[in-house]
Amino acid sequence: MDAERAEPTRRPTRQEIAAAVGRGLPDVIGPGLRVLFCGFNPGLYSAAVGEPFARRGSRFWPALHGAGFTDRELRSWEGDELLRQGLGITSLVNRATARAAELTSAELVAGVTGLAVKARRYRPGWVAILGVTAYRIAFARPTAGLGPQPDRLGPARVWVLPNPSGLNAHFPLPALTAEFAKLRQATGP
């Protein structure tokens, strides 16, 4: 993302959201990030507006701020500010779906190759996979849990965080924020 935008003036229509099936999103990425957050794939709403975690109820932004990664709660259109704070966002599979369950195991596994290329090129300190299920499938680690992992992507260490989707009932916002805070502490000042 090269330019900051003002808050969107309108929400996409149902037709625009439905038309976003299969669309990708540009990465919010730059060299030397502290953390590159990696979601499963874009949701339809995000793809319709062209911004990651764009739905107003997204728990990603409050968890990021609550964990101390940002000095205020950012919004989906503030990619440049996210980069200034040493953080970025990408997707394992850059194909929008209504639910992550629509992705195939083969897509998740193939996504690791592209993620590794990004990690070697941009050299983040950490790559944080947002979802233990995606990590287990993509990295062939069926018993993996949350937290730091033995895998590396280029020079980057790998950490697994809970999926911030509101559908992840196992992690209400305070628990999600606590997991994000563990990674924040590991990244140093």
C-alpha atoms as a PDB file:
ATOM      1  CA  MET A   1       0.000   0.000   0.000  1.00  0.00           C
ATOM      2  CA  ASP A   2       1.531   3.226  -1.072  1.00  0.00           C
ATOM      3  CA  ALA A   3      -0.892   5.909  -0.024  1.00  0.00           C
ATOM      4  CA  GLU A   4      -3.053   6.385   3.011  1.00  0.00           C
ATOM      5  CA  ARG A   5      -6.712   6.892   2.381  1.00  0.00           C
ATOM      6  CA  ALA A   6      -9.409   8.604   4.299  1.00  0.00           C
ATOM      7  CA  GLU A   7     -12.095   6.465   5.893  1.00  0.00           C
ATOM      8  CA  PRO A   8     -14.326   4.875   3.273  1.00  0.00           C
ATOM      9  CA  THR A   9     -17.489   6.871   2.719  1.00  0.00           C
ATOM     10  CA  ARG A  10     -19.710   3.879   1.992  1.00  0.00           C
ATOM     11  CA  ARG A  11     -19.888   0.169   2.541  1.00  0.00           C
ATOM     12  CA  PRO A  12     -19.841  -2.175  -0.446  1.00  0.00           C
ATOM     13  CA  THR A  13     -23.174  -3.520  -1.640  1.00  0.00           C
ATOM     14  CA  ARG A  14     -24.106  -7.195  -1.385  1.00  0.00           C
ATOM     15  CA  GLN A  15     -23.514  -7.455  -5.119  1.00  0.00           C
ATOM     16  CA  GLU A  16     -20.017  -5.958  -4.797  1.00  0.00           C
ATOM     17  CA  ILE A  17     -19.194  -8.369  -1.984  1.00  0.00           C
ATOM     18  CA  ALA A  18     -20.490 -11.341  -3.992  1.00  0.00           C
ATOM     19  CA  ALA A  19     -18.440 -10.186  -6.993  1.00  0.00           C
ATOM     20  CA  ALA A  20     -15.265 -10.263  -4.874  1.00  0.00           C
ATOM     21  CA  VAL A  21     -15.087 -14.082  -4.904  1.00  0.00           C
ATOM     22  CA  GLY A  22     -11.609 -15.108  -6.041  1.00  0.00           C
ATOM     23  CA  ARG A  23     -10.096 -11.623  -5.881  1.00  0.00           C
ATOM     24  CA  GLY A  24      -6.795 -11.028  -4.152  1.00  0.00           C
ATOM     25  CA  LEU A  25      -5.495  -8.186  -2.023  1.00  0.00           C
ATOM     26  CA  PRO A  26      -2.232  -6.282  -2.284  1.00  0.00           C
ATOM     27  CA  ASP A  27       0.195  -7.058   0.519  1.00  0.00           C
ATOM     28  CA  VAL A  28       0.978  -4.430   3.109  1.00  0.00           C
ATOM     29  CA  ILE A  29       4.689  -5.176   3.161  1.00  0.00           C
ATOM     30  CA  GLY A  30       8.097  -3.576   3.214  1.00  0.00           C
ATOM     31  CA  PRO A  31      11.687  -4.436   4.136  1.00  0.00           C
ATOM     32  CA  GLY A  32      12.804  -5.202   7.671  1.00  0.00           C
ATOM     33  CA  LEU A  33       9.425  -5.482   9.390  1.00  0.00           C
ATOM     34  CA  ARG A  34       9.261  -6.628  13.005  1.00  0.00           C
ATOM     35  CA  VAL A  35       6.299  -8.857  12.154  1.00  0.00           C
ATOM     36  CA  LEU A  36       4.616  -9.886   8.925  1.00  0.00           C
ATOM     37  CA  PHE A  37       1.115 -11.088   9.855  1.00  0.00           C
ATOM     38  CA  CYS A  38      -0.163 -13.790   7.515  1.00  0.00           C
ATOM     39  CA  GLY A  39      -3.863 -14.612   7.337  1.00  0.00           C
ATOM     40  CA  PHE A  40      -5.374 -17.653   5.635  1.00  0.00           C
ATOM     41  CA  ASN A  41      -6.865 -15.627   2.791  1.00  0.00           C
ATOM     42  CA  PRO A  42      -8.883 -12.457   2.230  1.00  0.00           C
ATOM     43  CA  GLY A  43     -12.553 -12.448   3.119  1.00  0.00           C
ATOM     44  CA  LEU A  44     -15.084 -11.226   0.600  1.00  0.00           C
ATOM     45  CA  TYR A  45     -15.701  -7.908   2.357  1.00  0.00           C
ATOM     46  CA  SER A  46     -11.970  -7.146   2.475  1.00  0.00           C
ATOM     47  CA  ALA A  47     -11.557  -8.067  -1.182  1.00  0.00           C
ATOM     48  CA  ALA A  48     -14.534  -5.893  -2.124  1.00  0.00           C
ATOM     49  CA  VAL A  49     -12.975  -2.811  -0.505  1.00  0.00           C
ATOM     50  CA  GLY A  50      -9.352  -3.754  -1.268  1.00  0.00           C
ATOM     51  CA  GLU A  51      -8.110  -3.657   2.341  1.00  0.00           C
ATOM     52  CA  PRO A  52      -7.110  -6.373   4.814  1.00  0.00           C
ATOM     53  CA  PHE A  53      -9.309  -7.042   7.861  1.00  0.00           C
ATOM     54  CA  ALA A  54     -11.695  -4.373   6.564  1.00  0.00           C
ATOM     55  CA  ARG A  55     -14.947  -5.429   8.191  1.00  0.00           C
ATOM     56  CA  ARG A  56     -15.831  -2.984  10.962  1.00  0.00           C
ATOM     57  CA  GLY A  57     -16.053  -5.769  13.540  1.00  0.00           C
ATOM     58  CA  SER A  58     -12.613  -7.182  12.719  1.00  0.00           C
ATOM     59  CA  ARG A  59     -10.815  -8.236  15.874  1.00  0.00           C
ATOM     60  CA  PHE A  60      -7.375  -7.992  14.255  1.00  0.00           C
ATOM     61  CA  TRP A  61      -6.980  -4.234  14.789  1.00  0.00           C
ATOM     62  CA  PRO A  62      -8.103  -4.129  18.457  1.00  0.00           C
ATOM     63  CA  ALA A  63      -5.916  -7.158  19.286  1.00  0.00           C
ATOM     64  CA  LEU A  64      -2.921  -5.561  17.571  1.00  0.00           C
ATOM     65  CA  HIS A  65      -3.340  -2.359  19.558  1.00  0.00           C
ATOM     66  CA  GLY A  66      -4.266  -4.061  22.830  1.00  0.00           C
ATOM     67  CA  ALA A  67      -1.114  -6.165  22.607  1.00  0.00           C
ATOM     68  CA  GLY A  68       1.037  -3.036  22.314  1.00  0.00           C
ATOM     69  CA  PHE A  69       2.070  -3.386  18.665  1.00  0.00           C
ATOM     70  CA  THR A  70       0.549  -0.016  17.741  1.00  0.00           C
ATOM     71  CA  ASP A  71       0.168   3.214  19.661  1.00  0.00           C
ATOM     72  CA  ARG A  72      -3.515   3.457  18.697  1.00  0.00           C
ATOM     73  CA  GLU A  73      -6.089   1.239  17.038  1.00  0.00           C
ATOM     74  CA  LEU A  74      -5.407   1.445  13.332  1.00  0.00           C
ATOM     75  CA  ARG A  75      -7.986   0.958  10.605  1.00  0.00           C
ATOM     76  CA  SER A  76      -7.786  -1.209   7.506  1.00  0.00           C
ATOM     77  CA  TRP A  77      -7.027   1.746   5.226  1.00  0.00           C
ATOM     78  CA  GLU A  78      -3.944   2.796   7.239  1.00  0.00           C
ATOM     79  CA  GLY A  79      -1.428   0.506   5.567  1.00  0.00           C
ATOM     80  CA  ASP A  80       1.282   3.145   5.469  1.00  0.00           C
ATOM     81  CA  GLU A  81       0.978   3.726   9.213  1.00  0.00           C
ATOM     82  CA  LEU A  82       1.117  -0.014   9.837  1.00  0.00           C
ATOM     83  CA  LEU A  83       4.357  -0.167   7.853  1.00  0.00           C
ATOM     84  CA  ARG A  84       5.794   2.792   9.785  1.00  0.00           C
ATOM     85  CA  GLN A  85       5.240   0.791  12.951  1.00  0.00           C
ATOM     86  CA  GLY A  86       7.232  -2.121  11.515  1.00  0.00           C
ATOM     87  CA  LEU A  87       4.274  -4.364  10.758  1.00  0.00           C
ATOM     88  CA  GLY A  88       2.837  -5.849   7.593  1.00  0.00           C
ATOM     89  CA  ILE A  89       0.049  -8.089   6.341  1.00  0.00           C
ATOM     90  CA  THR A  90      -0.075 -10.806   3.709  1.00  0.00           C
ATOM     91  CA  SER A  91      -2.154 -13.907   2.975  1.00  0.00           C
ATOM     92  CA  LEU A  92      -1.165 -17.529   2.656  1.00  0.00           C
ATOM     93  CA  VAL A  93      -3.632 -17.874  -0.239  1.00  0.00           C
ATOM     94  CA  ASN A  94      -4.497 -14.655  -2.061  1.00  0.00           C
ATOM     95  CA  ARG A  95      -7.975 -15.736  -3.151  1.00  0.00           C
ATOM     96  CA  ALA A  96     -11.048 -14.287  -1.460  1.00  0.00           C
ATOM     97  CA  THR A  97     -13.661 -16.689  -0.147  1.00  0.00           C
ATOM     98  CA  ALA A  98     -16.671 -16.411   2.135  1.00  0.00           C
ATOM     99  CA  ARG A  99     -15.049 -18.836   4.596  1.00  0.00           C
ATOM    100  CA  ALA A 100     -11.510 -20.123   5.004  1.00  0.00           C
ATOM    101  CA  ALA A 101     -12.907 -23.672   4.877  1.00  0.00           C
ATOM    102  CA  GLU A 102     -13.362 -23.135   1.116  1.00  0.00           C
ATOM    103  CA  LEU A 103      -9.580 -23.319   0.669  1.00  0.00           C
ATOM    104  CA  THR A 104      -8.029 -26.641  -0.239  1.00  0.00           C
ATOM    105  CA  SER A 105      -5.149 -28.215   1.635  1.00  0.00           C
ATOM    106  CA  ALA A 106      -3.136 -28.037  -1.585  1.00  0.00           C
ATOM    107  CA  GLU A 107      -3.657 -24.257  -1.769  1.00  0.00           C
ATOM    108  CA  LEU A 108      -2.463 -23.818   1.825  1.00  0.00           C
ATOM    109  CA  VAL A 109       0.610 -25.988   1.247  1.00  0.00           C
ATOM    110  CA  ALA A 110       1.441 -24.141  -1.990  1.00  0.00           C
ATOM    111  CA  GLY A 111       1.043 -20.818  -0.168  1.00  0.00           C
ATOM    112  CA  VAL A 112       4.086 -21.574   1.990  1.00  0.00           C
ATOM    113  CA  THR A 113       6.353 -21.293  -1.052  1.00  0.00           C
ATOM    114  CA  GLY A 114       5.151 -17.773  -1.844  1.00  0.00           C
ATOM    115  CA  LEU A 115       5.344 -16.796   1.815  1.00  0.00           C
ATOM    116  CA  ALA A 116       8.939 -18.023   1.990  1.00  0.00           C
ATOM    117  CA  VAL A 117       9.829 -15.923  -1.068  1.00  0.00           C
ATOM    118  CA  LYS A 118       8.352 -12.832   0.615  1.00  0.00           C
ATOM    119  CA  ALA A 119      10.199 -13.581   3.849  1.00  0.00           C
ATOM    120  CA  ARG A 120      13.531 -13.914   2.028  1.00  0.00           C
ATOM    121  CA  ARG A 121      12.912 -10.733   0.060  1.00  0.00           C
ATOM    122  CA  TYR A 122      11.593  -8.493   2.847  1.00  0.00           C
ATOM    123  CA  ARG A 123      13.370 -10.111   5.831  1.00  0.00           C
ATOM    124  CA  PRO A 124      10.826  -9.634   8.641  1.00  0.00           C
ATOM    125  CA  GLY A 125      11.930 -10.681  12.106  1.00  0.00           C
ATOM    126  CA  TRP A 126       8.828 -12.816  12.533  1.00  0.00           C
ATOM    127  CA  VAL A 127       6.093 -14.219  10.323  1.00  0.00           C
ATOM    128  CA  ALA A 128       2.932 -14.642  12.384  1.00  0.00           C
ATOM    129  CA  ILE A 129       0.505 -17.168  10.930  1.00  0.00           C
ATOM    130  CA  LEU A 130      -3.036 -16.188  11.933  1.00  0.00           C
ATOM    131  CA  GLY A 131      -4.636 -19.536  12.589  1.00  0.00           C
ATOM    132  CA  VAL A 132      -3.325 -22.787  13.975  1.00  0.00           C
ATOM    133  CA  THR A 133      -5.407 -24.886  11.570  1.00  0.00           C
ATOM    134  CA  ALA A 134      -3.896 -23.208   8.515  1.00  0.00           C
ATOM    135  CA  TYR A 135      -0.419 -23.588   9.979  1.00  0.00           C
ATOM    136  CA  ARG A 136      -0.905 -27.291  10.760  1.00  0.00           C
ATOM    137  CA  ILE A 137      -2.032 -28.002   7.202  1.00  0.00           C
ATOM    138  CA  ALA A 138       0.325 -25.685   5.306  1.00  0.00           C
ATOM    139  CA  PHE A 139       3.459 -26.639   7.234  1.00  0.00           C
ATOM    140  CA  ALA A 140       2.557 -30.327   7.735  1.00  0.00           C
ATOM    141  CA  ARG A 141       2.662 -30.029  11.525  1.00  0.00           C
ATOM    142  CA  PRO A 142      -0.609 -31.675  12.617  1.00  0.00           C
ATOM    143  CA  THR A 143       0.036 -31.326  16.360  1.00  0.00           C
ATOM    144  CA  ALA A 144       1.357 -27.743  16.375  1.00  0.00           C
ATOM    145  CA  GLY A 145       0.019 -25.293  18.917  1.00  0.00           C
ATOM    146  CA  LEU A 146       0.123 -21.548  19.368  1.00  0.00           C
ATOM    147  CA  GLY A 147       3.351 -19.655  19.887  1.00  0.00           C
ATOM    148  CA  PRO A 148       6.848 -19.920  18.414  1.00  0.00           C
ATOM    149  CA  GLN A 149       7.481 -22.737  15.944  1.00  0.00           C
ATOM    150  CA  PRO A 150      10.602 -24.583  14.799  1.00  0.00           C
ATOM    151  CA  ASP A 151      10.104 -23.528  11.176  1.00  0.00           C
ATOM    152  CA  ARG A 152      11.843 -20.575   9.572  1.00  0.00           C
ATOM    153  CA  LEU A 153      10.901 -18.729   6.444  1.00  0.00           C
ATOM    154  CA  GLY A 154      14.143 -17.326   5.125  1.00  0.00           C
ATOM    155  CA  PRO A 155      15.602 -15.397   8.048  1.00  0.00           C
ATOM    156  CA  ALA A 156      12.206 -15.006   9.745  1.00  0.00           C
ATOM    157  CA  ARG A 157      11.107 -16.968  12.758  1.00  0.00           C
ATOM    158  CA  VAL A 158       7.556 -18.305  12.718  1.00  0.00           C
ATOM    159  CA  TRP A 159       4.883 -17.742  15.365  1.00  0.00           C
ATOM    160  CA  VAL A 160       1.313 -19.042  15.320  1.00  0.00           C
ATOM    161  CA  LEU A 161      -1.505 -16.854  16.616  1.00  0.00           C
ATOM    162  CA  PRO A 162      -5.225 -17.620  16.831  1.00  0.00           C
ATOM    163  CA  ASN A 163      -7.311 -16.691  13.828  1.00  0.00           C
ATOM    164  CA  PRO A 164      -8.803 -13.241  14.605  1.00  0.00           C
ATOM    165  CA  SER A 165     -12.036 -14.101  12.794  1.00  0.00           C
ATOM    166  CA  GLY A 166     -15.159 -13.534  14.837  1.00  0.00           C
ATOM    167  CA  LEU A 167     -16.043 -17.126  13.958  1.00  0.00           C
ATOM    168  CA  ASN A 168     -13.221 -18.309  16.238  1.00  0.00           C
ATOM    169  CA  ALA A 169     -15.310 -18.669  19.403  1.00  0.00           C
ATOM    170  CA  HIS A 170     -12.425 -20.274  21.328  1.00  0.00           C
ATOM    171  CA  PHE A 171     -10.701 -16.888  21.535  1.00  0.00           C
ATOM    172  CA  PRO A 172     -12.756 -13.933  22.710  1.00  0.00           C
ATOM    173  CA  LEU A 173     -11.014 -10.595  22.198  1.00  0.00           C
ATOM    174  CA  PRO A 174      -9.219 -10.540  25.607  1.00  0.00           C
ATOM    175  CA  ALA A 175      -7.760 -14.015  24.999  1.00  0.00           C
ATOM    176  CA  LEU A 176      -6.840 -13.117  21.422  1.00  0.00           C
ATOM    177  CA  THR A 177      -5.121  -9.949  22.625  1.00  0.00           C
ATOM    178  CA  ALA A 178      -3.196 -11.933  25.255  1.00  0.00           C
ATOM    179  CA  GLU A 179      -1.836 -14.245  22.537  1.00  0.00           C
ATOM    180  CA  PHE A 180      -0.843 -11.264  20.375  1.00  0.00           C
ATOM    181  CA  ALA A 181       0.880  -9.765  23.440  1.00  0.00           C
ATOM    182  CA  LYS A 182       3.083 -12.864  23.808  1.00  0.00           C
ATOM    183  CA  LEU A 183       4.414 -12.271  20.292  1.00  0.00           C
ATOM    184  CA  ARG A 184       4.814  -8.558  21.016  1.00  0.00           C
ATOM    185  CA  GLN A 185       6.971  -9.371  24.028  1.00  0.00           C
ATOM    186  CA  ALA A 186       9.106 -11.712  21.918  1.00  0.00           C
ATOM    187  CA  THR A 187       9.751  -8.980  19.328  1.00  0.00           C
ATOM    188  CA  GLY A 188      11.457  -6.748  21.878  1.00  0.00           C
ATOM    189  CA  PRO A 189      11.100  -2.998  22.324  1.00  0.00           C
END
